[in-house]
N, C-alpha and C. Protein backbone atom coordinates (compact mmCIF):
# COMPACT_ATOMS: atom_id res chain seq x y z
N MET A 1 6.18 -8.51 -2.24
CA MET A 1 6.64 -7.27 -1.04
C MET A 1 6.41 -8.38 0.08
N CYS A 2 7.69 -8.18 0.60
CA CYS A 2 7.85 -8.69 2.27
C CYS A 2 7.96 -7.61 3.46
N TYR A 3 6.71 -7.74 4.50
CA TYR A 3 6.87 -6.75 5.35
C TYR A 3 8.40 -6.70 5.87
N TYR A 4 8.85 -7.33 6.30
CA TYR A 4 10.27 -7.52 6.76
C TYR A 4 11.29 -6.72 6.27
N GLU A 5 11.35 -6.97 4.90
CA GLU A 5 11.73 -6.46 3.96
C GLU A 5 11.60 -4.82 3.79
N VAL A 6 10.36 -4.46 3.80
CA VAL A 6 9.79 -3.08 3.40
C VAL A 6 10.76 -2.49 4.76
N LEU A 7 10.19 -2.91 6.10
CA LEU A 7 10.86 -2.66 7.29
C LEU A 7 12.60 -2.91 7.50
N GLU A 8 12.79 -3.53 6.80
CA GLU A 8 14.73 -3.82 6.64
C GLU A 8 14.98 -4.30 8.35
N VAL A 9 14.36 -5.64 8.57
CA VAL A 9 14.38 -6.06 9.96
C VAL A 9 14.31 -7.38 9.17
N SER A 10 15.05 -8.37 10.26
CA SER A 10 14.73 -10.02 10.22
C SER A 10 13.56 -10.52 11.02
N LYS A 11 13.00 -11.89 10.56
CA LYS A 11 11.99 -12.35 11.03
C LYS A 11 11.69 -12.28 12.60
N GLU A 12 12.96 -12.53 13.08
CA GLU A 12 13.29 -12.46 14.49
C GLU A 12 13.40 -11.09 15.16
N SER A 13 12.94 -10.36 14.56
CA SER A 13 12.93 -9.01 15.15
C SER A 13 11.92 -9.00 16.51
N SER A 14 12.07 -8.01 17.52
CA SER A 14 11.53 -7.72 18.71
C SER A 14 10.70 -6.38 18.16
N GLY A 15 9.96 -6.51 18.90
CA GLY A 15 8.83 -5.22 18.85
C GLY A 15 9.55 -3.97 19.12
N SER A 16 10.46 -4.12 19.69
CA SER A 16 11.51 -2.59 20.08
C SER A 16 12.39 -2.31 18.90
N GLU A 17 12.67 -3.22 18.06
CA GLU A 17 13.97 -3.19 16.58
C GLU A 17 12.71 -2.90 15.82
N LEU A 18 11.21 -3.31 15.56
CA LEU A 18 10.50 -3.38 14.73
C LEU A 18 10.44 -1.26 14.50
N LYS A 19 9.32 -1.12 15.95
CA LYS A 19 9.46 -0.01 16.26
C LYS A 19 10.56 1.08 15.72
N LYS A 20 12.11 0.92 15.86
CA LYS A 20 12.99 1.56 15.49
C LYS A 20 13.42 1.83 14.34
N ALA A 21 13.01 0.58 13.35
CA ALA A 21 13.28 0.60 11.97
C ALA A 21 11.94 1.12 11.95
N TYR A 22 11.12 0.94 12.05
CA TYR A 22 9.80 1.78 11.38
C TYR A 22 9.70 3.05 11.54
N ARG A 23 10.41 3.89 12.49
CA ARG A 23 10.42 5.28 12.58
C ARG A 23 11.52 5.92 11.93
N LYS A 24 12.77 5.31 11.54
CA LYS A 24 13.82 5.61 10.79
C LYS A 24 13.06 5.94 9.39
N LEU A 25 12.55 4.62 8.90
CA LEU A 25 11.76 4.98 7.54
C LEU A 25 10.93 5.87 7.58
N ALA A 26 10.39 5.60 8.55
CA ALA A 26 9.11 6.81 8.38
C ALA A 26 9.29 8.27 7.86
N MET A 27 10.38 8.93 8.96
CA MET A 27 10.91 10.15 9.20
C MET A 27 11.46 10.04 7.84
N LYS A 28 12.23 8.94 7.30
CA LYS A 28 13.09 9.48 5.84
C LYS A 28 11.66 9.65 4.72
N TYR A 29 10.82 9.04 4.64
CA TYR A 29 9.87 8.89 3.63
C TYR A 29 8.44 9.63 4.01
N HIS A 30 8.12 10.54 5.00
CA HIS A 30 7.07 11.24 5.60
C HIS A 30 6.90 12.20 4.47
N PRO A 31 5.44 12.54 4.23
CA PRO A 31 5.25 13.10 2.78
C PRO A 31 5.66 14.71 3.24
N ASP A 32 5.86 15.04 4.80
CA ASP A 32 6.27 16.19 5.58
C ASP A 32 7.23 16.90 4.74
N ARG A 33 8.25 15.81 4.58
CA ARG A 33 9.62 16.00 4.26
C ARG A 33 10.09 15.43 3.10
N ASN A 34 9.25 15.27 2.01
CA ASN A 34 9.27 14.64 0.91
C ASN A 34 7.90 15.65 0.06
N PRO A 35 7.80 16.90 -0.22
CA PRO A 35 6.43 17.84 -0.77
C PRO A 35 6.72 17.43 -2.47
N GLY A 36 5.50 16.95 -2.87
CA GLY A 36 5.29 16.29 -4.26
C GLY A 36 6.19 15.33 -4.60
N ASP A 37 6.61 14.47 -3.73
CA ASP A 37 7.01 13.39 -4.18
C ASP A 37 6.72 12.01 -4.02
N SER A 38 5.51 11.65 -5.11
CA SER A 38 4.26 10.69 -5.25
C SER A 38 5.09 9.27 -4.64
N LYS A 39 6.33 8.99 -4.85
CA LYS A 39 7.23 8.04 -4.74
C LYS A 39 7.61 7.59 -3.17
N ALA A 40 7.92 8.89 -2.83
CA ALA A 40 8.16 9.05 -1.17
C ALA A 40 6.82 8.52 -0.60
N GLU A 41 5.51 9.36 -0.88
CA GLU A 41 4.61 9.06 -0.22
C GLU A 41 3.62 7.53 -0.20
N GLU A 42 4.23 7.17 -1.27
CA GLU A 42 3.55 5.58 -1.55
C GLU A 42 4.40 4.69 -0.59
N ARG A 43 5.63 4.96 -0.70
CA ARG A 43 6.65 3.97 0.22
C ARG A 43 6.50 4.43 1.91
N PHE A 44 6.09 5.51 2.25
CA PHE A 44 5.41 5.75 3.44
C PHE A 44 3.84 5.09 3.85
N LYS A 45 3.42 4.62 3.18
CA LYS A 45 2.06 3.93 3.35
C LYS A 45 2.56 2.70 3.44
N ILE A 46 3.02 2.20 2.24
CA ILE A 46 3.49 0.40 2.66
C ILE A 46 4.34 0.44 3.85
N ILE A 47 5.25 1.44 4.07
CA ILE A 47 6.24 1.29 5.92
C ILE A 47 4.77 1.15 6.59
N ASN A 48 3.92 1.90 7.02
CA ASN A 48 3.10 1.97 7.87
C ASN A 48 2.20 0.68 7.75
N GLU A 49 1.78 0.39 6.61
CA GLU A 49 1.13 -0.90 6.40
C GLU A 49 1.67 -2.17 7.11
N ALA A 50 2.95 -2.27 6.80
CA ALA A 50 3.81 -3.22 7.33
C ALA A 50 4.06 -3.31 8.65
N TYR A 51 4.23 -2.16 9.52
CA TYR A 51 4.21 -1.75 10.76
C TYR A 51 3.10 -1.90 11.34
N GLN A 52 2.27 -1.97 10.85
CA GLN A 52 0.59 -2.02 11.49
C GLN A 52 0.45 -3.97 11.63
N VAL A 53 0.89 -4.37 10.87
CA VAL A 53 0.95 -5.72 10.70
C VAL A 53 1.73 -6.66 11.56
N LEU A 54 2.84 -5.89 11.71
CA LEU A 54 4.40 -6.80 12.13
C LEU A 54 4.45 -6.49 13.84
N SER A 55 3.24 -4.74 14.14
CA SER A 55 3.62 -4.57 15.54
C SER A 55 2.46 -5.62 16.36
N ASP A 56 1.50 -5.95 15.52
CA ASP A 56 0.48 -6.84 16.15
C ASP A 56 0.77 -8.02 16.44
N ASP A 57 0.88 -8.60 17.69
CA ASP A 57 1.18 -10.32 17.72
C ASP A 57 0.22 -10.96 17.07
N GLU A 58 -0.71 -10.93 16.58
CA GLU A 58 -1.54 -11.54 16.17
C GLU A 58 -2.00 -11.74 14.73
N LYS A 59 -1.48 -10.41 14.25
CA LYS A 59 -1.69 -10.21 12.69
C LYS A 59 -0.10 -10.68 12.09
N ARG A 60 0.72 -10.17 12.80
CA ARG A 60 2.21 -10.75 12.84
C ARG A 60 2.09 -12.41 12.41
N GLN A 61 1.38 -13.51 13.65
CA GLN A 61 1.66 -14.59 13.79
C GLN A 61 0.74 -15.09 12.23
N ILE A 62 -0.48 -14.57 11.90
CA ILE A 62 -0.93 -15.01 10.43
C ILE A 62 -0.16 -14.81 9.59
N TYR A 63 0.54 -13.61 9.44
CA TYR A 63 1.41 -12.81 8.19
C TYR A 63 2.39 -14.15 7.80
N ASP A 64 2.83 -14.56 9.45
CA ASP A 64 4.17 -15.52 9.01
C ASP A 64 3.40 -16.83 8.79
N ARG A 65 2.50 -17.07 8.79
CA ARG A 65 1.95 -18.40 8.50
C ARG A 65 1.63 -18.21 7.01
N TYR A 66 0.44 -17.47 6.55
CA TYR A 66 -0.02 -16.83 5.39
C TYR A 66 0.57 -16.12 4.49
N GLY A 67 1.33 -15.39 5.05
CA GLY A 67 1.64 -14.33 4.19
C GLY A 67 -0.03 -13.00 4.16
N LYS A 68 0.24 -12.28 2.74
CA LYS A 68 -0.28 -11.00 3.27
C LYS A 68 -1.87 -11.75 2.87
N GLU A 69 -1.84 -12.72 2.02
CA GLU A 69 -3.40 -13.45 1.62
C GLU A 69 -4.13 -13.80 2.93
N GLY A 70 -3.40 -14.09 3.82
CA GLY A 70 -3.71 -14.56 4.95
C GLY A 70 -4.41 -13.33 5.96
N LEU A 71 -3.91 -12.29 5.91
CA LEU A 71 -4.48 -11.01 6.36
C LEU A 71 -6.09 -10.86 5.93
N GLU A 72 -6.01 -10.77 4.54
CA GLU A 72 -6.89 -11.06 3.60
C GLU A 72 -7.83 -11.77 3.68
N GLY A 73 -8.08 -12.66 4.55
CA GLY A 73 -8.88 -13.56 4.68
C GLY A 73 -8.69 -15.30 4.16
N HIS A 74 -7.95 -14.80 3.55
CA HIS A 74 -7.57 -16.26 2.29
C HIS A 74 -6.53 -17.14 2.96
N GLY A 75 -6.71 -18.15 2.92
CA GLY A 75 -5.18 -19.35 3.36
C GLY A 75 -5.73 -19.58 4.80
N GLN A 76 -7.00 -19.65 5.21
CA GLN A 76 -7.61 -20.05 6.89
C GLN A 76 -8.42 -21.55 6.76
N GLY A 77 -7.95 -22.22 5.96
CA GLY A 77 -8.43 -23.13 5.74
C GLY A 77 -8.31 -24.74 6.35
C-alpha cells in the first residue's frame, strides 16, 4: 500500500494538493456517511494514516526514503 496511491496524488504534490485530496476522500468514506459499512470505515482509517504521514514534512521524508518500515523505526541504519 502506497500512501500516495491511497490519497490519489503524485509524489510531487504540494501540501495544499494533499489536503484537498484528503478532504475529498475523507468526506466520501467517512463512517457517518456510510453507516454500517466496515469497508468504508477501514478505508477512512487508511486515508487518515496516509494524510498524517504525508502532511508532516519530517515523516514524509522518512516515508519517501524508507517506506512505511522507516516510520516504524526500521531502515534507519
